[in-house]
Structures are given as structure tokens and as C-alpha cells.
Amino acid sequence: MERLVEEWEDKAKKEFELRLEEEVNYTAKIIQLEESLEERDQTLRYWKTRFSQLASLANGVIEDVPRMLKEADVSLMFRPVPKEVESFVEHCKGLVGLMKKMVARNRI
């Protein structure tokens, strides 16, 4: 009978140690997951901030560049303009047209 009790106690002790080890592993995995989630949240906040800054810049460009380009184009009509300046203004007009198409397409 004592032998059976000893075997049962040994088995219970081994099972307890195994459960304790599993709990330590489980706790370590939970901590690792929480750290990973925090890191992900930090990365998400970083990119949200960058995206907001980029969106703000793009909104400014959408509002200001076409207006300023029109003003520059009108002022070029009244004086002789170097070819490079005229070429630059035409290039800007093309980019503004492309930007308008992209904005219109993305609003749909």
C-alpha cells in the first residue's frame, strides 16, 4: 500500500511540475504576445501619423498648386518667357491634370 501511495505521490508531483512548467511557458507566451501587440500598436500609430501628414500635404497641393499654376500661366502671357520656364509650366499642368484624374477616380 505504501508503494502505491509513493507511486501516486511521485506521479502527482511530476504532474504538478509539468503543469507548473506549462504555466510558465503559457505566461511567457502571453507576455510575448502582449509585447508584440504593443509593438504593433506603436507601428500603427506611427504610420497613421505619417499618413495624416501626407494627406494634409496632398490636400494643400490639391488646393494651392492649381490656383498658383493658373496665376503663373496668366502672368506668362504678357512677357517673353524662356523655353525652360514655359516647359516647366506645361509639365506642371500635366501633373495637375493627372492629379485631378487620380483624385476623381479615387472618390468613386
N, C-alpha and C. Protein backbone atom coordinates (compact mmCIF):
# COMPACT_ATOMS: atom_id res chain seq x y z
N MET A 1 0.83 -1.19 0.00
CA MET A 1 0.00 0.00 0.00
C MET A 1 0.87 1.26 0.00
N GLU A 2 1.95 1.24 0.80
CA GLU A 2 2.84 2.40 0.85
C GLU A 2 3.47 2.64 -0.52
N ARG A 3 3.77 1.55 -1.21
CA ARG A 3 4.35 1.67 -2.53
C ARG A 3 3.38 2.35 -3.49
N LEU A 4 2.16 2.02 -3.41
CA LEU A 4 1.12 2.64 -4.25
C LEU A 4 0.98 4.12 -3.93
N VAL A 5 1.02 4.44 -2.64
CA VAL A 5 0.92 5.84 -2.22
C VAL A 5 2.14 6.61 -2.74
N GLU A 6 3.33 6.01 -2.62
CA GLU A 6 4.55 6.66 -3.11
C GLU A 6 4.48 6.88 -4.62
N GLU A 7 4.02 5.84 -5.33
CA GLU A 7 3.89 5.97 -6.79
C GLU A 7 2.89 7.07 -7.14
N TRP A 8 1.80 7.11 -6.42
CA TRP A 8 0.77 8.13 -6.68
C TRP A 8 1.32 9.52 -6.38
N GLU A 9 2.08 9.65 -5.25
CA GLU A 9 2.67 10.93 -4.89
C GLU A 9 3.71 11.37 -5.94
N ASP A 10 4.53 10.41 -6.41
CA ASP A 10 5.52 10.72 -7.45
C ASP A 10 4.82 11.17 -8.74
N LYS A 11 3.78 10.44 -9.07
CA LYS A 11 3.02 10.79 -10.27
C LYS A 11 2.38 12.17 -10.11
N ALA A 12 1.82 12.45 -8.97
CA ALA A 12 1.19 13.75 -8.70
C ALA A 12 2.24 14.86 -8.73
N LYS A 13 3.40 14.58 -8.16
CA LYS A 13 4.48 15.57 -8.14
C LYS A 13 4.96 15.88 -9.56
N LYS A 14 5.13 14.83 -10.38
CA LYS A 14 5.56 15.02 -11.77
C LYS A 14 4.48 15.79 -12.55
N GLU A 15 3.25 15.45 -12.30
CA GLU A 15 2.15 16.13 -12.98
C GLU A 15 2.10 17.61 -12.56
N PHE A 16 2.32 17.86 -11.27
CA PHE A 16 2.34 19.23 -10.77
C PHE A 16 3.48 20.02 -11.41
N GLU A 17 4.67 19.41 -11.48
CA GLU A 17 5.82 20.06 -12.10
C GLU A 17 5.56 20.33 -13.58
N LEU A 18 4.93 19.37 -14.25
CA LEU A 18 4.61 19.54 -15.67
C LEU A 18 3.62 20.70 -15.85
N ARG A 19 2.60 20.75 -15.02
CA ARG A 19 1.63 21.84 -15.09
C ARG A 19 2.27 23.18 -14.77
N LEU A 20 3.16 23.18 -13.79
CA LEU A 20 3.87 24.41 -13.44
C LEU A 20 4.71 24.89 -14.62
N GLU A 21 5.41 23.95 -15.26
CA GLU A 21 6.22 24.29 -16.43
C GLU A 21 5.34 24.81 -17.58
N GLU A 22 4.20 24.18 -17.78
CA GLU A 22 3.27 24.62 -18.82
C GLU A 22 2.74 26.02 -18.50
N GLU A 23 2.49 26.29 -17.23
CA GLU A 23 2.01 27.61 -16.83
C GLU A 23 3.08 28.68 -17.08
N VAL A 24 4.33 28.35 -16.79
CA VAL A 24 5.43 29.28 -17.03
C VAL A 24 5.54 29.56 -18.53
N ASN A 25 5.46 28.51 -19.34
CA ASN A 25 5.52 28.67 -20.80
C ASN A 25 4.33 29.49 -21.29
N TYR A 26 3.16 29.21 -20.76
CA TYR A 26 1.95 29.94 -21.16
C TYR A 26 2.08 31.42 -20.78
N THR A 27 2.57 31.69 -19.59
CA THR A 27 2.76 33.08 -19.14
C THR A 27 3.77 33.80 -20.03
N ALA A 28 4.85 33.11 -20.37
CA ALA A 28 5.87 33.71 -21.25
C ALA A 28 5.27 34.02 -22.62
N LYS A 29 4.44 33.12 -23.13
CA LYS A 29 3.81 33.37 -24.43
C LYS A 29 2.82 34.53 -24.36
N ILE A 30 2.10 34.64 -23.27
CA ILE A 30 1.16 35.76 -23.09
C ILE A 30 1.94 37.08 -23.05
N ILE A 31 3.03 37.12 -22.32
CA ILE A 31 3.86 38.33 -22.23
C ILE A 31 4.41 38.68 -23.62
N GLN A 32 4.90 37.67 -24.33
CA GLN A 32 5.43 37.89 -25.68
C GLN A 32 4.34 38.42 -26.60
N LEU A 33 3.14 37.89 -26.51
CA LEU A 33 2.02 38.35 -27.33
C LEU A 33 1.65 39.79 -26.99
N GLU A 34 1.61 40.11 -25.70
CA GLU A 34 1.29 41.48 -25.29
C GLU A 34 2.34 42.46 -25.80
N GLU A 35 3.61 42.08 -25.73
CA GLU A 35 4.68 42.94 -26.25
C GLU A 35 4.54 43.11 -27.76
N SER A 36 4.20 42.02 -28.43
CA SER A 36 4.02 42.07 -29.88
C SER A 36 2.85 42.98 -30.24
N LEU A 37 1.77 42.90 -29.48
CA LEU A 37 0.62 43.76 -29.73
C LEU A 37 0.96 45.22 -29.47
N GLU A 38 1.71 45.49 -28.43
CA GLU A 38 2.12 46.87 -28.14
C GLU A 38 3.00 47.40 -29.25
N GLU A 39 3.91 46.58 -29.72
CA GLU A 39 4.79 46.98 -30.82
C GLU A 39 3.97 47.26 -32.09
N ARG A 40 2.99 46.41 -32.34
CA ARG A 40 2.12 46.61 -33.50
C ARG A 40 1.34 47.91 -33.37
N ASP A 41 0.82 48.18 -32.17
CA ASP A 41 0.07 49.41 -31.93
C ASP A 41 0.96 50.65 -32.13
N GLN A 42 2.20 50.57 -31.68
CA GLN A 42 3.13 51.69 -31.87
C GLN A 42 3.40 51.91 -33.36
N THR A 43 3.59 50.83 -34.09
CA THR A 43 3.81 50.92 -35.54
C THR A 43 2.58 51.50 -36.23
N LEU A 44 1.42 51.06 -35.81
CA LEU A 44 0.18 51.57 -36.38
C LEU A 44 0.03 53.06 -36.11
N ARG A 45 0.31 53.49 -34.88
CA ARG A 45 0.22 54.92 -34.57
C ARG A 45 1.22 55.72 -35.39
N TYR A 46 2.43 55.20 -35.56
CA TYR A 46 3.47 55.86 -36.35
C TYR A 46 2.98 56.08 -37.79
N TRP A 47 2.46 55.01 -38.41
CA TRP A 47 2.05 55.14 -39.81
C TRP A 47 0.77 55.96 -39.96
N LYS A 48 -0.11 55.92 -38.98
CA LYS A 48 -1.30 56.78 -39.04
C LYS A 48 -0.89 58.25 -39.02
N THR A 49 0.08 58.58 -38.18
CA THR A 49 0.58 59.95 -38.11
C THR A 49 1.21 60.35 -39.44
N ARG A 50 2.03 59.47 -39.99
CA ARG A 50 2.69 59.77 -41.27
C ARG A 50 1.65 59.92 -42.39
N PHE A 51 0.64 59.04 -42.38
CA PHE A 51 -0.39 59.13 -43.40
C PHE A 51 -1.18 60.43 -43.27
N SER A 52 -1.48 60.81 -42.04
CA SER A 52 -2.20 62.07 -41.83
C SER A 52 -1.39 63.25 -42.33
N GLN A 53 -0.09 63.23 -42.08
CA GLN A 53 0.78 64.31 -42.55
C GLN A 53 0.82 64.33 -44.09
N LEU A 54 0.90 63.15 -44.69
CA LEU A 54 0.92 63.06 -46.14
C LEU A 54 -0.41 63.53 -46.73
N ALA A 55 -1.52 63.15 -46.10
CA ALA A 55 -2.84 63.58 -46.57
C ALA A 55 -2.97 65.10 -46.46
N SER A 56 -2.46 65.67 -45.38
CA SER A 56 -2.50 67.12 -45.22
C SER A 56 -1.69 67.81 -46.31
N LEU A 57 -0.52 67.29 -46.59
CA LEU A 57 0.32 67.84 -47.65
C LEU A 57 -0.39 67.72 -49.00
N ALA A 58 -0.97 66.57 -49.27
CA ALA A 58 -1.67 66.36 -50.54
C ALA A 58 -2.86 67.31 -50.66
N ASN A 59 -3.59 67.51 -49.58
CA ASN A 59 -4.73 68.44 -49.62
C ASN A 59 -4.26 69.86 -49.93
N GLY A 60 -3.15 70.25 -49.34
CA GLY A 60 -2.60 71.57 -49.63
C GLY A 60 -2.20 71.69 -51.08
N VAL A 61 -1.60 70.64 -51.61
CA VAL A 61 -1.19 70.63 -53.02
C VAL A 61 -2.42 70.72 -53.91
N ILE A 62 -3.44 69.95 -53.59
CA ILE A 62 -4.65 69.93 -54.40
C ILE A 62 -5.29 71.31 -54.44
N GLU A 63 -5.23 72.03 -53.35
CA GLU A 63 -5.85 73.35 -53.29
C GLU A 63 -4.95 74.43 -53.88
N ASP A 64 -3.68 74.43 -53.53
CA ASP A 64 -2.80 75.55 -53.86
C ASP A 64 -2.16 75.47 -55.25
N VAL A 65 -1.68 74.32 -55.64
CA VAL A 65 -0.92 74.22 -56.88
C VAL A 65 -1.75 74.60 -58.11
N PRO A 66 -2.97 74.09 -58.29
CA PRO A 66 -3.73 74.51 -59.48
C PRO A 66 -3.97 76.03 -59.53
N ARG A 67 -4.28 76.62 -58.40
CA ARG A 67 -4.51 78.07 -58.35
C ARG A 67 -3.22 78.82 -58.71
N MET A 68 -2.13 78.44 -58.10
CA MET A 68 -0.86 79.11 -58.36
C MET A 68 -0.39 78.90 -59.80
N LEU A 69 -0.67 77.71 -60.34
CA LEU A 69 -0.31 77.43 -61.72
C LEU A 69 -1.09 78.32 -62.68
N LYS A 70 -2.37 78.51 -62.41
CA LYS A 70 -3.18 79.40 -63.24
C LYS A 70 -2.63 80.83 -63.19
N GLU A 71 -2.31 81.29 -62.00
CA GLU A 71 -1.76 82.64 -61.84
C GLU A 71 -0.44 82.78 -62.60
N ALA A 72 0.41 81.78 -62.50
CA ALA A 72 1.70 81.82 -63.20
C ALA A 72 1.48 81.80 -64.71
N ASP A 73 0.55 80.96 -65.17
CA ASP A 73 0.27 80.84 -66.58
C ASP A 73 -0.24 82.17 -67.15
N VAL A 74 -1.13 82.83 -66.42
CA VAL A 74 -1.67 84.12 -66.86
C VAL A 74 -0.55 85.15 -66.91
N SER A 75 0.30 85.18 -65.92
CA SER A 75 1.37 86.19 -65.91
C SER A 75 2.39 85.95 -67.01
N LEU A 76 2.50 84.72 -67.50
CA LEU A 76 3.46 84.43 -68.57
C LEU A 76 2.98 84.92 -69.93
N MET A 77 1.69 85.19 -70.04
CA MET A 77 1.14 85.63 -71.32
C MET A 77 1.66 87.01 -71.73
N PHE A 78 2.02 87.83 -70.80
CA PHE A 78 2.31 89.23 -71.07
C PHE A 78 3.80 89.55 -71.23
N ARG A 79 4.66 88.60 -71.15
CA ARG A 79 6.08 88.87 -71.29
C ARG A 79 6.77 87.71 -72.01
N PRO A 80 7.89 88.00 -72.58
CA PRO A 80 8.63 86.90 -73.20
C PRO A 80 9.15 85.95 -72.11
N VAL A 81 8.97 84.69 -72.34
CA VAL A 81 9.31 83.68 -71.33
C VAL A 81 10.33 82.71 -71.91
N PRO A 82 11.36 82.39 -71.14
CA PRO A 82 12.32 81.39 -71.61
C PRO A 82 11.62 80.04 -71.84
N LYS A 83 12.13 79.30 -72.80
CA LYS A 83 11.53 77.99 -73.12
C LYS A 83 11.50 77.07 -71.90
N GLU A 84 12.54 77.12 -71.08
CA GLU A 84 12.61 76.25 -69.91
C GLU A 84 11.46 76.54 -68.94
N VAL A 85 11.15 77.80 -68.75
CA VAL A 85 10.05 78.16 -67.85
C VAL A 85 8.73 77.70 -68.44
N GLU A 86 8.55 77.93 -69.73
CA GLU A 86 7.32 77.51 -70.40
C GLU A 86 7.18 75.99 -70.32
N SER A 87 8.29 75.28 -70.54
CA SER A 87 8.28 73.82 -70.47
C SER A 87 7.93 73.35 -69.06
N PHE A 88 8.47 74.03 -68.07
CA PHE A 88 8.17 73.67 -66.68
C PHE A 88 6.70 73.88 -66.37
N VAL A 89 6.13 74.99 -66.79
CA VAL A 89 4.72 75.26 -66.55
C VAL A 89 3.85 74.21 -67.24
N GLU A 90 4.19 73.85 -68.46
CA GLU A 90 3.43 72.82 -69.18
C GLU A 90 3.52 71.47 -68.46
N HIS A 91 4.71 71.17 -67.99
CA HIS A 91 4.90 69.93 -67.22
C HIS A 91 4.02 69.94 -65.97
N CYS A 92 4.00 71.06 -65.26
CA CYS A 92 3.17 71.19 -64.06
C CYS A 92 1.69 71.03 -64.40
N LYS A 93 1.26 71.60 -65.53
CA LYS A 93 -0.13 71.45 -65.96
C LYS A 93 -0.47 69.98 -66.16
N GLY A 94 0.44 69.26 -66.79
CA GLY A 94 0.22 67.82 -67.00
C GLY A 94 0.11 67.07 -65.68
N LEU A 95 0.98 67.39 -64.73
CA LEU A 95 0.93 66.74 -63.41
C LEU A 95 -0.36 67.07 -62.67
N VAL A 96 -0.79 68.33 -62.75
CA VAL A 96 -2.04 68.73 -62.09
C VAL A 96 -3.21 68.00 -62.72
N GLY A 97 -3.22 67.88 -64.05
CA GLY A 97 -4.28 67.12 -64.73
C GLY A 97 -4.30 65.67 -64.28
N LEU A 98 -3.13 65.06 -64.19
CA LEU A 98 -3.02 63.67 -63.73
C LEU A 98 -3.51 63.55 -62.28
N MET A 99 -3.12 64.51 -61.45
CA MET A 99 -3.54 64.50 -60.04
C MET A 99 -5.06 64.61 -59.94
N LYS A 100 -5.67 65.48 -60.75
CA LYS A 100 -7.12 65.63 -60.72
C LYS A 100 -7.82 64.33 -61.13
N LYS A 101 -7.28 63.65 -62.15
CA LYS A 101 -7.86 62.38 -62.59
C LYS A 101 -7.76 61.34 -61.47
N MET A 102 -6.61 61.29 -60.82
CA MET A 102 -6.43 60.30 -59.73
C MET A 102 -7.38 60.58 -58.58
N VAL A 103 -7.53 61.84 -58.23
CA VAL A 103 -8.44 62.19 -57.13
C VAL A 103 -9.87 61.85 -57.51
N ALA A 104 -10.27 62.18 -58.74
CA ALA A 104 -11.63 61.87 -59.19
C ALA A 104 -11.87 60.37 -59.21
N ARG A 105 -10.89 59.61 -59.68
CA ARG A 105 -11.04 58.15 -59.74
C ARG A 105 -11.14 57.53 -58.36
N ASN A 106 -10.39 58.07 -57.40
CA ASN A 106 -10.39 57.51 -56.05
C ASN A 106 -11.60 57.93 -55.22
N ARG A 107 -12.33 58.92 -55.66
CA ARG A 107 -13.53 59.34 -54.92
C ARG A 107 -14.72 58.44 -55.24
N ILE A 108 -14.64 57.70 -56.31
CA ILE A 108 -15.76 56.85 -56.72
C ILE A 108 -15.90 55.66 -55.82
